[in-house]
Amino acid sequence: MRFTRFLLSVAALVAAPAALSFSSAVAQDAAPTAPAAVAKSGAPATFDETLFNIPEGQDAKFYQERLNALQEAFQKYYQATGGDQAKIGALIPKLQIAAKTIFKNLVDAKDVPAAEAFQYFQSYAASFAQDGDLDGLTALLAKEQAKKPVDAERVKFLDYIIVSVRLDKALEANDEAGLAKIGAEIIAKANVDETWTQSAPALLSGVARMNPKVGAKLLNDLCASFAASKDENRKQIAAALAGQIRFLNLVGNEMKVEGLYLDGTEIDWKSYRGKVVLIDFWATWCGPCVGEIPNMTKMYEKYNAAGFEILGYSLDQDLDALHKFEEDRKLPWKTASQKLSLDYKAKKFVDLAQYYGVTGIPTMILVGKDGKVLSTNARGPELERLLQAQFPQAK
């Protein structure tokens, strides 16, 4: 379940023991990456499946050693098969079942330190979530709530995981009413619980990426709620969320663009009207940003004469490095500087990256001839597709 995996990457899988790598990171849609070597080692591609037999009633040492043995066997098998996805894929379900049994026996073992036991508990809960097993998670929550005393940390973690699975199911079913209901519950929790205060923005931003219509409204509601709070932390989060909301609402609307070019002159955004403009939030230290330049250059050469322009907005703080990069690459379009713009004393400019909630670069926004945003993800082949639509006569 894609959305649950995204959420668990923060909440559970990162915190889980390293030996869970075969049942979490490797079980994603992408190819496995846990072992360092992927070339066939020459060893026979066999796996000792007797390791999958996990008896009950053993001490913690037995289960920890079995977990390590499974991990080591998996790494050797991965190397021996050269990372063959079909063979690895056939093995993963068995590994997950074995790991789940091990974690179940470790979560309440008397000879496991509390902090370590909680990590095992996170991994155990994650195994239910990866299967989308809401009933299993609910039963686990009831079991934890029945304990005396109740482990509040475990209950709170399960509450979070259950919400994430419910969100996932609602997204996969395109259940907008369900999403709105769960989102409202998250906002209510976030207004009274500090853990949910920190979690809610990421959760609802995830919803917005997958269902912009519902997600944008939920982020708006969260932002308004936090902005009205007496809690200073919630007010600060609201200010940050405002940028994300502006970004989500950009397509079909005009965009604010202001600041100074790298040569110190002021951007005249009105002069770009009538052209199709790519606004590129980037930096010289950003590998993917630099990786986009060849395609951008190709598109510029093909469509500039027809009315295509590029405006780079650099987040570099080292202006010397930025100047050198520009000189070495001989970029044919103009670059604006976040640092120059914010340091300028004669006039106050907004920080465009903050204003539009840009937290990852490159972020590439395509603006149409009428000044309205066409796309907030105009990268790679998508940029070419969009430009072909805008300039069908260009050769």
Protein backbone atom coordinates (compact mmCIF):
# COMPACT_ATOMS: atom_id res chain seq x y z
CA MET A 1 0.00 0.00 0.00
CA ARG A 2 1.85 3.01 -1.30
CA PHE A 3 0.58 5.71 1.01
CA THR A 4 1.02 3.59 4.14
CA ARG A 5 4.59 2.83 3.13
CA PHE A 6 5.25 6.53 2.69
CA LEU A 7 3.90 7.29 6.16
CA LEU A 8 5.65 4.37 7.82
CA SER A 9 8.98 5.45 6.36
CA VAL A 10 8.92 8.22 8.95
CA ALA A 11 6.98 6.63 11.76
CA ALA A 12 8.17 3.05 11.91
CA LEU A 13 10.56 1.65 9.37
CA VAL A 14 13.36 4.13 10.03
CA ALA A 15 13.13 3.36 13.73
CA ALA A 16 12.97 -0.41 13.22
CA PRO A 17 16.03 -2.65 13.72
CA ALA A 18 18.36 -2.88 10.74
CA ALA A 19 17.48 -6.55 10.30
CA LEU A 20 14.01 -5.54 9.15
CA SER A 21 15.48 -4.18 5.91
CA PHE A 22 14.43 -7.25 3.97
CA SER A 23 10.80 -6.89 5.03
CA SER A 24 10.47 -3.13 4.69
CA ALA A 25 12.82 -1.31 2.32
CA VAL A 26 13.22 -4.31 0.02
CA ALA A 27 9.49 -4.91 -0.08
CA GLN A 28 8.86 -1.60 -1.81
CA ASP A 29 8.02 -1.16 -5.48
CA ALA A 30 11.59 -0.14 -6.24
CA ALA A 31 14.40 -2.68 -6.63
CA PRO A 32 16.07 -3.88 -3.39
CA THR A 33 18.98 -1.82 -2.19
CA ALA A 34 19.91 -3.27 1.20
CA PRO A 35 23.06 -5.23 0.29
CA ALA A 36 26.01 -3.31 -1.08
CA ALA A 37 26.93 -5.81 -3.81
CA VAL A 38 24.51 -6.79 -6.54
CA ALA A 39 26.79 -8.73 -8.89
CA LYS A 40 26.57 -12.53 -8.72
CA SER A 41 29.20 -13.80 -6.32
CA GLY A 42 29.52 -17.31 -7.76
CA ALA A 43 27.94 -18.88 -4.66
CA PRO A 44 24.96 -21.21 -5.24
CA ALA A 45 21.68 -19.28 -5.21
CA THR A 46 20.02 -21.22 -2.39
CA PHE A 47 18.30 -20.10 0.79
CA ASP A 48 18.08 -22.20 3.96
CA GLU A 49 14.30 -22.23 4.40
CA THR A 50 14.54 -24.04 7.73
CA LEU A 51 15.23 -20.57 9.11
CA PHE A 52 11.55 -19.79 8.48
CA ASN A 53 10.48 -22.26 11.17
CA ILE A 54 10.04 -19.97 14.19
CA PRO A 55 8.99 -21.90 17.32
CA GLU A 56 7.04 -20.19 20.09
CA GLY A 57 8.14 -19.95 23.70
CA GLN A 58 11.86 -19.29 23.16
CA ASP A 59 13.92 -16.68 24.98
CA ALA A 60 14.75 -13.29 23.49
CA LYS A 61 18.28 -14.36 22.57
CA PHE A 62 16.93 -17.11 20.31
CA TYR A 63 14.66 -14.70 18.39
CA GLN A 64 17.34 -12.04 18.06
CA GLU A 65 19.84 -14.58 16.75
CA ARG A 66 17.26 -15.94 14.30
CA LEU A 67 16.54 -12.43 13.07
CA ASN A 68 20.25 -11.85 12.47
CA ALA A 69 20.57 -15.24 10.74
CA LEU A 70 17.69 -14.41 8.39
CA GLN A 71 19.26 -11.07 7.56
CA GLU A 72 22.66 -12.58 6.82
CA ALA A 73 21.13 -15.38 4.73
CA PHE A 74 19.10 -12.87 2.78
CA GLN A 75 22.13 -10.72 1.99
CA LYS A 76 24.09 -13.75 0.75
CA TYR A 77 21.15 -14.92 -1.35
CA TYR A 78 20.70 -11.43 -2.80
CA GLN A 79 24.34 -11.32 -3.84
CA ALA A 80 24.29 -14.86 -5.22
CA THR A 81 21.27 -14.10 -7.41
CA GLY A 82 22.62 -10.74 -8.52
CA GLY A 83 19.51 -9.10 -7.09
CA ASP A 84 17.17 -11.12 -9.35
CA GLN A 85 13.81 -9.46 -8.67
CA ALA A 86 11.73 -12.54 -9.43
CA LYS A 87 13.69 -14.72 -7.00
CA ILE A 88 13.90 -12.03 -4.34
CA GLY A 89 10.21 -11.25 -4.75
CA ALA A 90 9.31 -14.89 -4.16
CA LEU A 91 11.36 -14.93 -0.96
CA ILE A 92 10.10 -11.67 0.55
CA PRO A 93 6.64 -12.89 1.75
CA LYS A 94 8.25 -15.77 3.65
CA LEU A 95 10.78 -13.42 5.22
CA GLN A 96 8.02 -11.04 6.25
CA ILE A 97 5.99 -13.79 7.92
CA ALA A 98 9.07 -15.01 9.78
CA ALA A 99 10.00 -11.49 10.89
CA LYS A 100 6.44 -10.83 12.06
CA THR A 101 6.53 -13.96 14.25
CA ILE A 102 9.88 -12.94 15.68
CA PHE A 103 8.72 -9.41 16.49
CA LYS A 104 5.55 -10.74 18.12
CA ASN A 105 7.70 -12.79 20.49
CA LEU A 106 10.09 -9.94 21.24
CA VAL A 107 7.69 -7.09 21.98
CA ASP A 108 6.87 -8.32 25.50
CA ALA A 109 9.96 -10.41 26.26
CA LYS A 110 11.08 -9.81 29.83
CA ASP A 111 14.77 -9.90 28.95
CA VAL A 112 14.58 -7.13 26.31
CA PRO A 113 15.21 -3.49 27.38
CA ALA A 114 12.13 -1.25 27.11
CA ALA A 115 13.54 1.00 24.37
CA GLU A 116 14.53 -1.99 22.24
CA ALA A 117 11.17 -3.66 22.85
CA PHE A 118 9.42 -0.55 21.56
CA GLN A 119 11.44 -0.74 18.35
CA TYR A 120 10.33 -4.34 17.91
CA PHE A 121 6.77 -3.23 18.63
CA GLN A 122 7.01 -0.60 15.90
CA SER A 123 8.23 -3.23 13.47
CA TYR A 124 5.45 -5.62 14.51
CA ALA A 125 2.80 -2.93 13.95
CA ALA A 126 4.44 -2.04 10.62
CA SER A 127 4.00 -5.63 9.43
CA PHE A 128 0.21 -5.31 9.85
CA ALA A 129 0.20 -1.91 8.18
CA GLN A 130 2.16 -3.12 5.16
CA ASP A 131 -0.55 -5.72 4.59
CA GLY A 132 -3.29 -3.12 5.06
CA ASP A 133 -4.56 -5.27 7.96
CA LEU A 134 -6.75 -2.75 9.76
CA ASP A 135 -8.52 -5.46 11.78
CA GLY A 136 -5.19 -6.80 13.01
CA LEU A 137 -4.05 -3.33 14.05
CA THR A 138 -7.35 -2.65 15.81
CA ALA A 139 -7.08 -5.92 17.73
CA LEU A 140 -3.49 -5.07 18.68
CA LEU A 141 -4.64 -1.67 19.94
CA ALA A 142 -7.40 -3.26 22.04
CA LYS A 143 -4.84 -5.67 23.53
CA GLU A 144 -2.51 -2.79 24.45
CA GLN A 145 -5.34 -0.73 25.95
CA ALA A 146 -6.38 -3.67 28.14
CA LYS A 147 -2.96 -3.87 29.79
CA LYS A 148 -2.36 -2.57 33.30
CA PRO A 149 -0.63 -0.18 33.21
CA VAL A 150 -1.24 0.98 29.65
CA ASP A 151 1.90 1.76 27.64
CA ALA A 152 0.93 5.21 26.35
CA GLU A 153 3.78 5.29 23.84
CA ARG A 154 2.61 2.09 22.16
CA VAL A 155 -1.03 3.20 22.11
CA LYS A 156 -0.14 6.54 20.57
CA PHE A 157 2.01 4.87 17.93
CA LEU A 158 -0.80 2.44 17.03
CA ASP A 159 -3.24 5.32 16.80
CA TYR A 160 -0.96 6.95 14.25
CA ILE A 161 -0.47 3.76 12.23
CA ILE A 162 -4.19 3.01 12.17
CA VAL A 163 -4.92 6.50 10.87
CA SER A 164 -2.29 6.06 8.16
CA VAL A 165 -3.84 2.77 6.99
CA ARG A 166 -7.32 4.30 6.98
CA LEU A 167 -6.00 7.15 4.86
CA ASP A 168 -4.38 4.69 2.49
CA LYS A 169 -7.57 2.71 2.03
CA ALA A 170 -9.60 5.88 1.46
CA LEU A 171 -7.11 7.12 -1.13
CA GLU A 172 -7.04 3.83 -3.00
CA ALA A 173 -10.85 3.76 -3.05
CA ASN A 174 -10.97 7.43 -4.09
CA ASP A 175 -13.29 7.91 -1.09
CA GLU A 176 -13.22 11.70 -0.80
CA ALA A 177 -15.84 11.76 1.97
CA GLY A 178 -13.76 9.26 3.93
CA LEU A 179 -10.61 11.31 3.40
CA ALA A 180 -12.34 14.44 4.60
CA LYS A 181 -13.62 12.63 7.72
CA ILE A 182 -10.20 11.20 8.61
CA GLY A 183 -8.56 14.56 7.90
CA ALA A 184 -10.96 16.30 10.28
CA GLU A 185 -10.06 13.75 12.97
CA ILE A 186 -6.35 14.45 12.40
CA ILE A 187 -6.89 18.20 12.72
CA ALA A 188 -8.84 17.72 15.96
CA LYS A 189 -6.02 15.60 17.40
CA ALA A 190 -3.39 18.10 16.22
CA ASN A 191 -5.03 20.91 18.19
CA VAL A 192 -4.71 19.12 21.53
CA ASP A 193 -1.75 16.74 21.20
CA GLU A 194 1.80 17.89 20.45
CA THR A 195 2.78 14.65 18.69
CA TRP A 196 -0.14 15.05 16.28
CA THR A 197 0.71 18.74 15.92
CA GLN A 198 4.00 17.69 14.39
CA SER A 199 2.59 14.76 12.38
CA ALA A 200 -0.53 16.36 10.90
CA PRO A 201 1.18 18.61 8.31
CA ALA A 202 3.11 15.68 6.79
CA LEU A 203 0.05 13.45 6.76
CA LEU A 204 -2.21 16.01 5.14
CA SER A 205 0.51 17.09 2.71
CA GLY A 206 0.70 13.44 1.65
CA VAL A 207 -3.05 13.47 1.04
CA ALA A 208 -2.69 16.68 -0.98
CA ARG A 209 -0.05 15.11 -3.25
CA MET A 210 -2.38 12.23 -4.07
CA ASN A 211 -5.74 14.01 -3.99
CA PRO A 212 -5.14 17.77 -4.39
CA LYS A 213 -8.83 18.63 -4.17
CA VAL A 214 -9.42 17.15 -0.70
CA GLY A 215 -5.85 17.63 0.52
CA ALA A 216 -5.75 21.36 -0.24
CA LYS A 217 -8.95 21.92 1.76
CA LEU A 218 -7.62 19.88 4.68
CA LEU A 219 -4.36 21.84 4.70
CA ASN A 220 -6.37 25.07 4.58
CA ASP A 221 -8.44 23.92 7.56
CA LEU A 222 -5.32 22.87 9.50
CA CYS A 223 -3.60 26.16 8.71
CA ALA A 224 -6.61 28.22 9.84
CA SER A 225 -6.94 26.18 13.01
CA PHE A 226 -3.25 26.53 13.91
CA ALA A 227 -3.20 30.23 13.02
CA ALA A 228 -6.04 30.84 15.49
CA SER A 229 -4.27 28.87 18.23
CA LYS A 230 -2.68 30.51 21.27
CA ASP A 231 0.20 28.06 20.96
CA GLU A 232 3.22 29.72 19.36
CA ASN A 233 4.48 26.49 17.79
CA ARG A 234 1.17 25.92 16.02
CA LYS A 235 1.20 29.51 14.78
CA GLN A 236 4.66 28.99 13.27
CA ILE A 237 3.54 25.77 11.58
CA ALA A 238 0.55 27.66 10.16
CA ALA A 239 2.88 30.23 8.60
CA ALA A 240 4.89 27.45 6.94
CA LEU A 241 1.74 25.69 5.75
CA ALA A 242 0.51 28.87 4.08
CA GLY A 243 3.29 28.49 1.51
CA GLN A 244 2.35 24.88 0.74
CA ILE A 245 -1.27 25.92 0.29
CA ARG A 246 -0.29 28.68 -2.14
CA PHE A 247 1.73 26.15 -4.10
CA LEU A 248 -1.17 23.69 -4.24
CA ASN A 249 -3.42 26.44 -5.57
CA LEU A 250 -0.98 27.75 -8.19
CA VAL A 251 -2.24 25.92 -11.28
CA GLY A 252 -4.74 28.14 -13.07
CA ASN A 253 -3.76 31.21 -11.05
CA GLU A 254 -1.17 33.97 -11.40
CA MET A 255 2.13 33.74 -9.57
CA LYS A 256 4.02 36.36 -7.60
CA VAL A 257 7.59 36.69 -8.90
CA GLU A 258 9.95 39.36 -7.55
CA GLY A 259 13.52 39.90 -6.44
CA LEU A 260 16.93 40.63 -7.95
CA TYR A 261 18.78 39.01 -10.78
CA LEU A 262 22.32 37.87 -10.10
CA ASP A 263 23.59 41.07 -11.73
CA GLY A 264 21.71 43.13 -9.11
CA THR A 265 18.92 44.43 -11.36
CA GLU A 266 15.30 43.97 -10.36
CA ILE A 267 13.02 41.38 -11.95
CA ASP A 268 10.35 42.99 -14.10
CA TRP A 269 7.78 40.20 -14.00
CA LYS A 270 5.32 42.15 -16.17
CA SER A 271 7.83 42.10 -19.03
CA TYR A 272 7.43 38.32 -19.24
CA ARG A 273 3.70 38.55 -20.01
CA GLY A 274 2.93 37.10 -23.42
CA LYS A 275 5.66 34.47 -23.05
CA VAL A 276 5.63 30.95 -21.65
CA VAL A 277 8.00 31.06 -18.69
CA LEU A 278 9.67 28.29 -16.71
CA ILE A 279 10.43 29.34 -13.12
CA ASP A 280 13.19 27.04 -11.90
CA PHE A 281 13.90 26.87 -8.13
CA TRP A 282 17.39 25.38 -8.03
CA ALA A 283 20.94 25.55 -6.62
CA THR A 284 24.40 24.69 -7.91
CA TRP A 285 24.89 22.16 -5.08
CA CYS A 286 21.72 20.26 -6.07
CA GLY A 287 22.62 17.29 -8.29
CA PRO A 288 19.11 16.76 -9.72
CA CYS A 289 18.89 20.51 -10.45
CA VAL A 290 22.10 20.46 -12.45
CA GLY A 291 20.90 17.27 -14.11
CA GLU A 292 17.89 19.15 -15.53
CA ILE A 293 20.03 21.77 -17.28
CA PRO A 294 20.77 19.82 -20.50
CA ASN A 295 17.05 19.27 -21.12
CA MET A 296 16.24 22.88 -20.21
CA THR A 297 18.92 24.09 -22.63
CA LYS A 298 17.54 21.87 -25.37
CA MET A 299 14.01 23.21 -24.79
CA TYR A 300 15.30 26.79 -24.67
CA GLU A 301 17.09 26.43 -27.98
CA LYS A 302 14.03 24.87 -29.60
CA TYR A 303 11.30 27.17 -28.26
CA ASN A 304 12.89 30.48 -27.25
CA ALA A 305 12.30 32.10 -30.63
CA ALA A 306 8.63 31.07 -30.41
CA GLY A 307 8.21 32.77 -27.03
CA PHE A 308 9.64 30.45 -24.36
CA GLU A 309 11.73 31.91 -21.54
CA ILE A 310 13.41 30.56 -18.42
CA LEU A 311 13.89 32.38 -15.13
CA GLY A 312 16.11 30.61 -12.62
CA TYR A 313 15.64 31.34 -8.90
CA SER A 314 18.81 30.20 -7.17
CA LEU A 315 18.83 29.21 -3.48
CA ASP A 316 22.64 29.36 -3.38
CA GLN A 317 24.09 31.23 -0.42
CA ASP A 318 27.60 31.15 -1.91
CA LEU A 319 27.30 33.80 -4.61
CA ASP A 320 30.87 33.28 -5.80
CA ALA A 321 30.10 29.64 -6.55
CA LEU A 322 26.91 30.68 -8.33
CA HIS A 323 28.74 33.27 -10.47
CA LYS A 324 31.41 30.73 -11.40
CA PHE A 325 28.78 28.13 -12.31
CA GLU A 326 26.95 30.62 -14.52
CA GLU A 327 30.17 31.61 -16.26
CA ASP A 328 31.31 28.01 -16.77
CA ARG A 329 27.94 26.80 -18.08
CA LYS A 330 27.14 29.97 -20.07
CA LEU A 331 23.45 29.61 -19.33
CA PRO A 332 21.43 31.58 -21.92
CA TRP A 333 18.65 32.58 -19.48
CA LYS A 334 18.65 34.92 -16.49
CA THR A 335 19.09 33.79 -12.90
CA ALA A 336 17.64 35.51 -9.84
CA SER A 337 19.23 35.11 -6.43
CA GLN A 338 17.35 34.41 -3.22
CA LYS A 339 20.26 35.71 -1.15
CA LEU A 340 20.68 38.95 -3.09
CA SER A 341 16.92 39.54 -2.96
CA LEU A 342 16.64 39.03 0.80
CA ASP A 343 19.81 41.00 1.60
CA TYR A 344 18.67 44.01 -0.44
CA LYS A 345 18.21 47.03 1.86
CA ALA A 346 16.49 49.47 -0.48
CA LYS A 347 13.40 47.33 -0.98
CA LYS A 348 11.81 44.36 0.75
CA PHE A 349 11.19 41.29 -1.42
CA VAL A 350 9.38 38.14 -0.39
CA ASP A 351 11.37 34.92 -0.17
CA LEU A 352 9.75 33.13 -3.10
CA ALA A 353 10.87 29.71 -1.90
CA GLN A 354 9.23 30.23 1.47
CA TYR A 355 6.23 32.04 0.02
CA TYR A 356 5.40 29.01 -2.12
CA GLY A 357 6.47 26.35 0.37
CA VAL A 358 9.31 25.06 -1.78
CA THR A 359 11.08 22.51 0.41
CA GLY A 360 12.63 20.36 -2.33
CA ILE A 361 14.52 21.33 -5.45
CA PRO A 362 14.41 21.35 -8.36
CA THR A 363 10.88 22.74 -8.33
CA MET A 364 9.94 23.81 -11.84
CA ILE A 365 6.81 25.85 -12.49
CA LEU A 366 5.57 26.61 -15.99
CA VAL A 367 3.62 29.85 -16.46
CA GLY A 368 1.47 30.48 -19.55
CA LYS A 369 1.34 33.53 -21.80
CA ASP A 370 -1.56 34.95 -19.76
CA GLY A 371 0.50 34.83 -16.57
CA LYS A 372 -1.38 31.84 -15.15
CA VAL A 373 0.44 28.72 -13.98
CA LEU A 374 0.17 25.71 -16.27
CA SER A 375 2.09 23.18 -14.18
CA THR A 376 4.05 22.93 -10.93
CA ASN A 377 5.94 19.84 -12.09
CA ALA A 378 7.42 20.89 -15.45
CA ARG A 379 10.48 18.63 -15.42
CA GLY A 380 12.10 16.33 -17.94
CA PRO A 381 9.74 14.82 -20.53
CA GLU A 382 6.78 16.65 -18.96
CA LEU A 383 8.37 20.02 -19.81
CA GLU A 384 8.76 18.98 -23.43
CA ARG A 385 5.16 17.72 -23.57
CA LEU A 386 3.84 20.99 -22.15
CA LEU A 387 5.91 23.11 -24.52
CA GLN A 388 4.83 21.10 -27.54
CA ALA A 389 1.23 21.88 -26.58
CA GLN A 390 2.01 25.59 -26.17
CA PHE A 391 4.04 25.88 -29.39
CA PRO A 392 2.59 23.32 -31.85
CA GLN A 393 4.12 25.16 -34.84
CA ALA A 394 7.69 25.19 -33.48
CA LYS A 395 10.18 22.92 -35.24
